[in-house]
Amino acid sequence: MYAKPRLPDPVRRAAVRAVIIVALTLMQLTVAVLCSLAEVWFAFPALLSTVASTVLATWAVLDVWVTRQVWIQRHGVVSTPSSAARRRARAGRH
């Protein structure tokens, strides 16, 4: 049904976590901008929490990359040689 195989479970979990954190960070950023435009007292705390959330979102996105790399290293990837590689191997034997 799908052209590509589905992501391994640990990688998918990390990706879902990262998407949720990035979405919440963008919502916080919107609140901070709107509060600062309205000159409300909540603008400064919202800005501080947005900075902290940006660090967390960066960490979450890096976690997806690291989790993917670790999964590939532990489980390997299934690869088949290309037709050119098979041709070269056959030519070397004759």
PDB file of N, CA and C in Angstrom:
ATOM      1  N   MET A   1       0.821  -1.184   0.000  1.00  0.00           N
ATOM      2  CA  MET A   1       0.000   0.000   0.000  1.00  0.00           C
ATOM      3  C   MET A   1       0.871   1.257   0.000  1.00  0.00           C
ATOM      4  N   TYR A   2       1.936   1.271   0.790  1.00  0.00           N
ATOM      5  CA  TYR A   2       2.818   2.433   0.844  1.00  0.00           C
ATOM      6  C   TYR A   2       4.044   2.183  -0.022  1.00  0.00           C
ATOM      7  N   ALA A   3       4.562   3.254  -0.615  1.00  0.00           N
ATOM      8  CA  ALA A   3       5.748   3.123  -1.456  1.00  0.00           C
ATOM      9  C   ALA A   3       6.993   2.922  -0.593  1.00  0.00           C
ATOM     10  N   LYS A   4       7.055   3.634   0.533  1.00  0.00           N
ATOM     11  CA  LYS A   4       8.202   3.514   1.431  1.00  0.00           C
ATOM     12  C   LYS A   4       7.780   2.763   2.690  1.00  0.00           C
ATOM     13  N   PRO A   5       8.692   1.989   3.264  1.00  0.00           N
ATOM     14  CA  PRO A   5       8.337   1.324   4.521  1.00  0.00           C
ATOM     15  C   PRO A   5       8.162   2.347   5.636  1.00  0.00           C
ATOM     16  N   ARG A   6       7.374   1.993   6.606  1.00  0.00           N
ATOM     17  CA  ARG A   6       7.080   2.924   7.679  1.00  0.00           C
ATOM     18  C   ARG A   6       8.285   3.069   8.598  1.00  0.00           C
ATOM     19  N   LEU A   7       8.374   4.200   9.274  1.00  0.00           N
ATOM     20  CA  LEU A   7       9.502   4.448  10.168  1.00  0.00           C
ATOM     21  C   LEU A   7       9.498   3.450  11.319  1.00  0.00           C
ATOM     22  N   PRO A   8      10.659   3.104  11.831  1.00  0.00           N
ATOM     23  CA  PRO A   8      10.697   2.240  13.016  1.00  0.00           C
ATOM     24  C   PRO A   8      10.004   2.942  14.196  1.00  0.00           C
ATOM     25  N   ASP A   9       9.457   2.156  15.105  1.00  0.00           N
ATOM     26  CA  ASP A   9       8.676   2.710  16.215  1.00  0.00           C
ATOM     27  C   ASP A   9       9.418   3.756  17.039  1.00  0.00           C
ATOM     28  N   PRO A  10      10.667   3.542  17.465  1.00  0.00           N
ATOM     29  CA  PRO A  10      11.330   4.571  18.266  1.00  0.00           C
ATOM     30  C   PRO A  10      11.520   5.884  17.503  1.00  0.00           C
ATOM     31  N   VAL A  11      11.796   5.781  16.220  1.00  0.00           N
ATOM     32  CA  VAL A  11      11.996   6.986  15.416  1.00  0.00           C
ATOM     33  C   VAL A  11      10.663   7.709  15.241  1.00  0.00           C
ATOM     34  N   ARG A  12       9.605   6.951  14.999  1.00  0.00           N
ATOM     35  CA  ARG A  12       8.290   7.571  14.835  1.00  0.00           C
ATOM     36  C   ARG A  12       7.830   8.253  16.113  1.00  0.00           C
ATOM     37  N   ARG A  13       8.090   7.600  17.261  1.00  0.00           N
ATOM     38  CA  ARG A  13       7.726   8.226  18.534  1.00  0.00           C
ATOM     39  C   ARG A  13       8.469   9.542  18.736  1.00  0.00           C
ATOM     40  N   ALA A  14       9.766   9.549  18.432  1.00  0.00           N
ATOM     41  CA  ALA A  14      10.557  10.773  18.573  1.00  0.00           C
ATOM     42  C   ALA A  14      10.061  11.853  17.613  1.00  0.00           C
ATOM     43  N   ALA A  15       9.670  11.453  16.403  1.00  0.00           N
ATOM     44  CA  ALA A  15       9.182  12.425  15.422  1.00  0.00           C
ATOM     45  C   ALA A  15       7.855  13.033  15.854  1.00  0.00           C
ATOM     46  N   VAL A  16       6.969  12.212  16.375  1.00  0.00           N
ATOM     47  CA  VAL A  16       5.671  12.726  16.851  1.00  0.00           C
ATOM     48  C   VAL A  16       5.889  13.681  18.017  1.00  0.00           C
ATOM     49  N   ARG A  17       6.781  13.290  18.931  1.00  0.00           N
ATOM     50  CA  ARG A  17       7.100  14.153  20.067  1.00  0.00           C
ATOM     51  C   ARG A  17       7.657  15.494  19.586  1.00  0.00           C
ATOM     52  N   ALA A  18       8.539  15.453  18.597  1.00  0.00           N
ATOM     53  CA  ALA A  18       9.145  16.681  18.078  1.00  0.00           C
ATOM     54  C   ALA A  18       8.107  17.573  17.406  1.00  0.00           C
ATOM     55  N   VAL A  19       7.202  16.982  16.651  1.00  0.00           N
ATOM     56  CA  VAL A  19       6.177  17.781  15.973  1.00  0.00           C
ATOM     57  C   VAL A  19       5.276  18.469  16.987  1.00  0.00           C
ATOM     58  N   ILE A  20       4.900  17.758  18.035  1.00  0.00           N
ATOM     59  CA  ILE A  20       4.038  18.350  19.061  1.00  0.00           C
ATOM     60  C   ILE A  20       4.760  19.492  19.766  1.00  0.00           C
ATOM     61  N   ILE A  21       6.031  19.292  20.112  1.00  0.00           N
ATOM     62  CA  ILE A  21       6.790  20.334  20.803  1.00  0.00           C
ATOM     63  C   ILE A  21       6.990  21.556  19.910  1.00  0.00           C
ATOM     64  N   VAL A  22       7.288  21.336  18.631  1.00  0.00           N
ATOM     65  CA  VAL A  22       7.467  22.462  17.709  1.00  0.00           C
ATOM     66  C   VAL A  22       6.150  23.214  17.532  1.00  0.00           C
ATOM     67  N   ALA A  23       5.036  22.493  17.446  1.00  0.00           N
ATOM     68  CA  ALA A  23       3.733  23.152  17.304  1.00  0.00           C
ATOM     69  C   ALA A  23       3.410  23.998  18.532  1.00  0.00           C
ATOM     70  N   LEU A  24       3.676  23.469  19.713  1.00  0.00           N
ATOM     71  CA  LEU A  24       3.429  24.237  20.934  1.00  0.00           C
ATOM     72  C   LEU A  24       4.349  25.459  21.014  1.00  0.00           C
ATOM     73  N   THR A  25       5.584  25.307  20.551  1.00  0.00           N
ATOM     74  CA  THR A  25       6.508  26.438  20.552  1.00  0.00           C
ATOM     75  C   THR A  25       6.019  27.536  19.618  1.00  0.00           C
ATOM     76  N   LEU A  26       5.509  27.155  18.461  1.00  0.00           N
ATOM     77  CA  LEU A  26       4.980  28.159  17.536  1.00  0.00           C
ATOM     78  C   LEU A  26       3.744  28.861  18.106  1.00  0.00           C
ATOM     79  N   MET A  27       2.920  28.112  18.838  1.00  0.00           N
ATOM     80  CA  MET A  27       1.768  28.752  19.490  1.00  0.00           C
ATOM     81  C   MET A  27       2.232  29.731  20.563  1.00  0.00           C
ATOM     82  N   GLN A  28       3.254  29.345  21.331  1.00  0.00           N
ATOM     83  CA  GLN A  28       3.798  30.245  22.342  1.00  0.00           C
ATOM     84  C   GLN A  28       4.367  31.499  21.711  1.00  0.00           C
ATOM     85  N   LEU A  29       5.038  31.334  20.593  1.00  0.00           N
ATOM     86  CA  LEU A  29       5.597  32.489  19.897  1.00  0.00           C
ATOM     87  C   LEU A  29       4.493  33.437  19.445  1.00  0.00           C
ATOM     88  N   THR A  30       3.394  32.883  18.945  1.00  0.00           N
ATOM     89  CA  THR A  30       2.261  33.711  18.533  1.00  0.00           C
ATOM     90  C   THR A  30       1.692  34.483  19.716  1.00  0.00           C
ATOM     91  N   VAL A  31       1.544  33.807  20.854  1.00  0.00           N
ATOM     92  CA  VAL A  31       1.036  34.477  22.056  1.00  0.00           C
ATOM     93  C   VAL A  31       1.987  35.584  22.494  1.00  0.00           C
ATOM     94  N   ALA A  32       3.287  35.317  22.452  1.00  0.00           N
ATOM     95  CA  ALA A  32       4.269  36.322  22.866  1.00  0.00           C
ATOM     96  C   ALA A  32       4.224  37.548  21.953  1.00  0.00           C
ATOM     97  N   VAL A  33       4.110  37.314  20.651  1.00  0.00           N
ATOM     98  CA  VAL A  33       4.055  38.445  19.714  1.00  0.00           C
ATOM     99  C   VAL A  33       2.784  39.242  19.912  1.00  0.00           C
ATOM    100  N   LEU A  34       1.657  38.564  20.041  1.00  0.00           N
ATOM    101  CA  LEU A  34       0.389  39.284  20.226  1.00  0.00           C
ATOM    102  C   LEU A  34       0.369  40.051  21.547  1.00  0.00           C
ATOM    103  N   CYS A  35       0.931  39.447  22.602  1.00  0.00           N
ATOM    104  CA  CYS A  35       0.979  40.146  23.889  1.00  0.00           C
ATOM    105  C   CYS A  35       1.902  41.361  23.829  1.00  0.00           C
ATOM    106  N   SER A  36       2.999  41.250  23.112  1.00  0.00           N
ATOM    107  CA  SER A  36       3.894  42.397  23.019  1.00  0.00           C
ATOM    108  C   SER A  36       3.284  43.503  22.153  1.00  0.00           C
ATOM    109  N   LEU A  37       2.537  43.122  21.126  1.00  0.00           N
ATOM    110  CA  LEU A  37       1.855  44.143  20.321  1.00  0.00           C
ATOM    111  C   LEU A  37       0.762  44.844  21.123  1.00  0.00           C
ATOM    112  N   ALA A  38       0.096  44.105  21.991  1.00  0.00           N
ATOM    113  CA  ALA A  38      -0.958  44.687  22.821  1.00  0.00           C
ATOM    114  C   ALA A  38      -0.397  45.361  24.063  1.00  0.00           C
ATOM    115  N   GLU A  39       0.928  45.251  24.254  1.00  0.00           N
ATOM    116  CA  GLU A  39       1.615  45.827  25.418  1.00  0.00           C
ATOM    117  C   GLU A  39       1.011  45.341  26.738  1.00  0.00           C
ATOM    118  N   VAL A  40       0.835  44.027  26.819  1.00  0.00           N
ATOM    119  CA  VAL A  40       0.296  43.389  28.017  1.00  0.00           C
ATOM    120  C   VAL A  40       1.469  42.916  28.870  1.00  0.00           C
ATOM    121  N   TRP A  41       1.290  42.858  30.182  1.00  0.00           N
ATOM    122  CA  TRP A  41       2.360  42.458  31.092  1.00  0.00           C
ATOM    123  C   TRP A  41       2.846  41.038  30.826  1.00  0.00           C
ATOM    124  N   PHE A  42       2.001  40.204  30.235  1.00  0.00           N
ATOM    125  CA  PHE A  42       2.332  38.798  30.009  1.00  0.00           C
ATOM    126  C   PHE A  42       3.348  38.605  28.874  1.00  0.00           C
ATOM    127  N   ALA A  43       3.693  39.669  28.171  1.00  0.00           N
ATOM    128  CA  ALA A  43       4.597  39.548  27.026  1.00  0.00           C
ATOM    129  C   ALA A  43       5.980  39.044  27.444  1.00  0.00           C
ATOM    130  N   PHE A  44       6.519  39.577  28.537  1.00  0.00           N
ATOM    131  CA  PHE A  44       7.872  39.177  28.944  1.00  0.00           C
ATOM    132  C   PHE A  44       7.932  37.716  29.404  1.00  0.00           C
ATOM    133  N   PRO A  45       7.034  37.256  30.287  1.00  0.00           N
ATOM    134  CA  PRO A  45       7.058  35.827  30.637  1.00  0.00           C
ATOM    135  C   PRO A  45       6.810  34.914  29.429  1.00  0.00           C
ATOM    136  N   ALA A  46       5.955  35.348  28.517  1.00  0.00           N
ATOM    137  CA  ALA A  46       5.702  34.548  27.320  1.00  0.00           C
ATOM    138  C   ALA A  46       6.957  34.477  26.458  1.00  0.00           C
ATOM    139  N   LEU A  47       7.691  35.573  26.387  1.00  0.00           N
ATOM    140  CA  LEU A  47       8.929  35.572  25.605  1.00  0.00           C
ATOM    141  C   LEU A  47       9.970  34.651  26.227  1.00  0.00           C
ATOM    142  N   LEU A  48      10.099  34.689  27.548  1.00  0.00           N
ATOM    143  CA  LEU A  48      11.061  33.809  28.220  1.00  0.00           C
ATOM    144  C   LEU A  48      10.710  32.336  28.021  1.00  0.00           C
ATOM    145  N   SER A  49       9.441  32.016  28.148  1.00  0.00           N
ATOM    146  CA  SER A  49       9.051  30.613  27.960  1.00  0.00           C
ATOM    147  C   SER A  49       9.193  30.193  26.496  1.00  0.00           C
ATOM    148  N   THR A  50       9.030  31.132  25.578  1.00  0.00           N
ATOM    149  CA  THR A  50       9.226  30.811  24.164  1.00  0.00           C
ATOM    150  C   THR A  50      10.687  30.507  23.879  1.00  0.00           C
ATOM    151  N   VAL A  51      11.596  31.239  24.498  1.00  0.00           N
ATOM    152  CA  VAL A  51      13.024  30.968  24.320  1.00  0.00           C
ATOM    153  C   VAL A  51      13.365  29.580  24.863  1.00  0.00           C
ATOM    154  N   ALA A  52      12.837  29.258  26.037  1.00  0.00           N
ATOM    155  CA  ALA A  52      13.080  27.935  26.620  1.00  0.00           C
ATOM    156  C   ALA A  52      12.477  26.833  25.739  1.00  0.00           C
ATOM    157  N   SER A  53      11.304  27.078  25.197  1.00  0.00           N
ATOM    158  CA  SER A  53      10.660  26.087  24.335  1.00  0.00           C
ATOM    159  C   SER A  53      11.419  25.913  23.023  1.00  0.00           C
ATOM    160  N   THR A  54      12.046  26.976  22.548  1.00  0.00           N
ATOM    161  CA  THR A  54      12.845  26.873  21.331  1.00  0.00           C
ATOM    162  C   THR A  54      14.032  25.953  21.552  1.00  0.00           C
ATOM    163  N   VAL A  55      14.663  26.071  22.716  1.00  0.00           N
ATOM    164  CA  VAL A  55      15.762  25.163  23.049  1.00  0.00           C
ATOM    165  C   VAL A  55      15.253  23.728  23.116  1.00  0.00           C
ATOM    166  N   LEU A  56      14.117  23.526  23.752  1.00  0.00           N
ATOM    167  CA  LEU A  56      13.519  22.197  23.859  1.00  0.00           C
ATOM    168  C   LEU A  56      13.143  21.647  22.484  1.00  0.00           C
ATOM    169  N   ALA A  57      12.599  22.485  21.612  1.00  0.00           N
ATOM    170  CA  ALA A  57      12.218  22.032  20.270  1.00  0.00           C
ATOM    171  C   ALA A  57      13.447  21.643  19.461  1.00  0.00           C
ATOM    172  N   THR A  58      14.523  22.403  19.609  1.00  0.00           N
ATOM    173  CA  THR A  58      15.763  22.056  18.918  1.00  0.00           C
ATOM    174  C   THR A  58      16.274  20.707  19.399  1.00  0.00           C
ATOM    175  N   TRP A  59      16.219  20.496  20.698  1.00  0.00           N
ATOM    176  CA  TRP A  59      16.644  19.223  21.290  1.00  0.00           C
ATOM    177  C   TRP A  59      15.784  18.076  20.757  1.00  0.00           C
ATOM    178  N   ALA A  60      14.478  18.299  20.646  1.00  0.00           N
ATOM    179  CA  ALA A  60      13.564  17.255  20.179  1.00  0.00           C
ATOM    180  C   ALA A  60      13.831  16.889  18.725  1.00  0.00           C
ATOM    181  N   VAL A  61      14.121  17.884  17.895  1.00  0.00           N
ATOM    182  CA  VAL A  61      14.413  17.605  16.488  1.00  0.00           C
ATOM    183  C   VAL A  61      15.743  16.862  16.367  1.00  0.00           C
ATOM    184  N   LEU A  62      16.725  17.246  17.155  1.00  0.00           N
ATOM    185  CA  LEU A  62      17.992  16.514  17.157  1.00  0.00           C
ATOM    186  C   LEU A  62      17.794  15.094  17.665  1.00  0.00           C
ATOM    187  N   ASP A  63      16.870  14.899  18.593  1.00  0.00           N
ATOM    188  CA  ASP A  63      16.582  13.568  19.118  1.00  0.00           C
ATOM    189  C   ASP A  63      16.059  12.649  18.013  1.00  0.00           C
ATOM    190  N   VAL A  64      15.255  13.192  17.108  1.00  0.00           N
ATOM    191  CA  VAL A  64      14.759  12.388  15.987  1.00  0.00           C
ATOM    192  C   VAL A  64      15.937  11.917  15.141  1.00  0.00           C
ATOM    193  N   TRP A  65      16.838  12.823  14.835  1.00  0.00           N
ATOM    194  CA  TRP A  65      17.984  12.481  13.998  1.00  0.00           C
ATOM    195  C   TRP A  65      18.883  11.443  14.670  1.00  0.00           C
ATOM    196  N   VAL A  66      19.165  11.661  15.966  1.00  0.00           N
ATOM    197  CA  VAL A  66      20.034  10.735  16.693  1.00  0.00           C
ATOM    198  C   VAL A  66      19.362   9.372  16.828  1.00  0.00           C
ATOM    199  N   THR A  67      18.074   9.350  17.143  1.00  0.00           N
ATOM    200  CA  THR A  67      17.347   8.086  17.275  1.00  0.00           C
ATOM    201  C   THR A  67      17.363   7.317  15.961  1.00  0.00           C
ATOM    202  N   ARG A  68      17.195   8.022  14.855  1.00  0.00           N
ATOM    203  CA  ARG A  68      17.236   7.372  13.544  1.00  0.00           C
ATOM    204  C   ARG A  68      18.610   6.788  13.265  1.00  0.00           C
ATOM    205  N   GLN A  69      19.660   7.553  13.563  1.00  0.00           N
ATOM    206  CA  GLN A  69      21.013   7.071  13.323  1.00  0.00           C
ATOM    207  C   GLN A  69      21.328   5.846  14.192  1.00  0.00           C
ATOM    208  N   VAL A  70      20.909   5.877  15.444  1.00  0.00           N
ATOM    209  CA  VAL A  70      21.152   4.746  16.350  1.00  0.00           C
ATOM    210  C   VAL A  70      20.393   3.517  15.876  1.00  0.00           C
ATOM    211  N   TRP A  71      19.147   3.708  15.433  1.00  0.00           N
ATOM    212  CA  TRP A  71      18.362   2.570  14.969  1.00  0.00           C
ATOM    213  C   TRP A  71      19.019   1.942  13.745  1.00  0.00           C
ATOM    214  N   ILE A  72      19.468   2.781  12.822  1.00  0.00           N
ATOM    215  CA  ILE A  72      20.127   2.257  11.613  1.00  0.00           C
ATOM    216  C   ILE A  72      21.408   1.515  11.990  1.00  0.00           C
ATOM    217  N   GLN A  73      22.162   2.061  12.949  1.00  0.00           N
ATOM    218  CA  GLN A  73      23.409   1.416  13.342  1.00  0.00           C
ATOM    219  C   GLN A  73      23.154   0.073  14.019  1.00  0.00           C
ATOM    220  N   ARG A  74      22.119  -0.010  14.837  1.00  0.00           N
ATOM    221  CA  ARG A  74      21.843  -1.259  15.555  1.00  0.00           C
ATOM    222  C   ARG A  74      21.199  -2.311  14.680  1.00  0.00           C
ATOM    223  N   HIS A  75      20.293  -1.896  13.795  1.00  0.00           N
ATOM    224  CA  HIS A  75      19.531  -2.866  13.021  1.00  0.00           C
ATOM    225  C   HIS A  75      19.979  -2.975  11.575  1.00  0.00           C
ATOM    226  N   GLY A  76      20.785  -2.052  11.133  1.00  0.00           N
ATOM    227  CA  GLY A  76      21.271  -2.085   9.758  1.00  0.00           C
ATOM    228  C   GLY A  76      20.181  -1.747   8.771  1.00  0.00           C
ATOM    229  N   VAL A  77      20.573  -1.596   7.552  1.00  0.00           N
ATOM    230  CA  VAL A  77      19.605  -1.341   6.491  1.00  0.00           C
ATOM    231  C   VAL A  77      19.758  -2.461   5.463  1.00  0.00           C
ATOM    232  N   VAL A  78      18.662  -2.836   4.881  1.00  0.00           N
ATOM    233  CA  VAL A  78      18.693  -3.878   3.864  1.00  0.00           C
ATOM    234  C   VAL A  78      19.015  -3.191   2.543  1.00  0.00           C
ATOM    235  N   SER A  79      20.116  -3.587   1.954  1.00  0.00           N
ATOM    236  CA  SER A  79      20.478  -2.982   0.678  1.00  0.00           C
ATOM    237  C   SER A  79      20.836  -4.082  -0.305  1.00  0.00           C
ATOM    238  N   THR A  80      20.532  -3.849  -1.536  1.00  0.00           N
ATOM    239  CA  THR A  80      20.895  -4.785  -2.591  1.00  0.00           C
ATOM    240  C   THR A  80      21.780  -4.047  -3.579  1.00  0.00           C
ATOM    241  N   PRO A  81      22.758  -4.706  -4.114  1.00  0.00           N
ATOM    242  CA  PRO A  81      23.634  -4.011  -5.059  1.00  0.00           C
ATOM    243  C   PRO A  81      22.869  -3.629  -6.319  1.00  0.00           C
ATOM    244  N   SER A  82      23.278  -2.541  -6.893  1.00  0.00           N
ATOM    245  CA  SER A  82      22.606  -2.092  -8.107  1.00  0.00           C
ATOM    246  C   SER A  82      22.984  -2.999  -9.275  1.00  0.00           C
ATOM    247  N   SER A  83      22.299  -2.829 -10.376  1.00  0.00           N
ATOM    248  CA  SER A  83      22.580  -3.657 -11.546  1.00  0.00           C
ATOM    249  C   SER A  83      23.998  -3.407 -12.053  1.00  0.00           C
ATOM    250  N   ALA A  84      24.500  -2.179 -11.918  1.00  0.00           N
ATOM    251  CA  ALA A  84      25.866  -1.875 -12.356  1.00  0.00           C
ATOM    252  C   ALA A  84      26.875  -2.632 -11.506  1.00  0.00           C
ATOM    253  N   ALA A  85      26.612  -2.730 -10.193  1.00  0.00           N
ATOM    254  CA  ALA A  85      27.525  -3.454  -9.306  1.00  0.00           C
ATOM    255  C   ALA A  85      27.508  -4.939  -9.638  1.00  0.00           C
ATOM    256  N   ARG A  86      26.350  -5.491  -9.966  1.00  0.00           N
ATOM    257  CA  ARG A  86      26.278  -6.907 -10.321  1.00  0.00           C
ATOM    258  C   ARG A  86      27.027  -7.162 -11.629  1.00  0.00           C
ATOM    259  N   ARG A  87      26.910  -6.241 -12.567  1.00  0.00           N
ATOM    260  CA  ARG A  87      27.593  -6.373 -13.850  1.00  0.00           C
ATOM    261  C   ARG A  87      29.108  -6.352 -13.644  1.00  0.00           C
ATOM    262  N   ARG A  88      29.585  -5.464 -12.780  1.00  0.00           N
ATOM    263  CA  ARG A  88      31.000  -5.335 -12.509  1.00  0.00           C
ATOM    264  C   ARG A  88      31.528  -6.602 -11.829  1.00  0.00           C
ATOM    265  N   ALA A  89      30.772  -7.162 -10.909  1.00  0.00           N
ATOM    266  CA  ALA A  89      31.195  -8.378 -10.208  1.00  0.00           C
ATOM    267  C   ALA A  89      31.261  -9.557 -11.185  1.00  0.00           C
ATOM    268  N   ARG A  90      30.287  -9.645 -12.093  1.00  0.00           N
ATOM    269  CA  ARG A  90      30.268 -10.720 -13.065  1.00  0.00           C
ATOM    270  C   ARG A  90      31.436 -10.582 -14.041  1.00  0.00           C
ATOM    271  N   ALA A  91      31.765  -9.349 -14.420  1.00  0.00           N
ATOM    272  CA  ALA A  91      32.860  -9.123 -15.358  1.00  0.00           C
ATOM    273  C   ALA A  91      34.197  -9.468 -14.743  1.00  0.00           C
ATOM    274  N   GLY A  92      34.331  -9.278 -13.418  1.00  0.00           N
ATOM    275  CA  GLY A  92      35.600  -9.594 -12.737  1.00  0.00           C
ATOM    276  C   GLY A  92      35.859 -11.079 -12.648  1.00  0.00           C
ATOM    277  N   ARG A  93      34.810 -11.905 -12.656  1.00  0.00           N
ATOM    278  CA  ARG A  93      34.970 -13.342 -12.505  1.00  0.00           C
ATOM    279  C   ARG A  93      35.404 -14.005 -13.808  1.00  0.00           C
ATOM    280  N   HIS A  94      35.087 -13.431 -14.933  1.00  0.00           N
ATOM    281  CA  HIS A  94      35.388 -14.071 -16.227  1.00  0.00           C
ATOM    282  C   HIS A  94      36.762 -13.766 -16.704  1.00  0.00           C
TER     283      HIS A  94
END
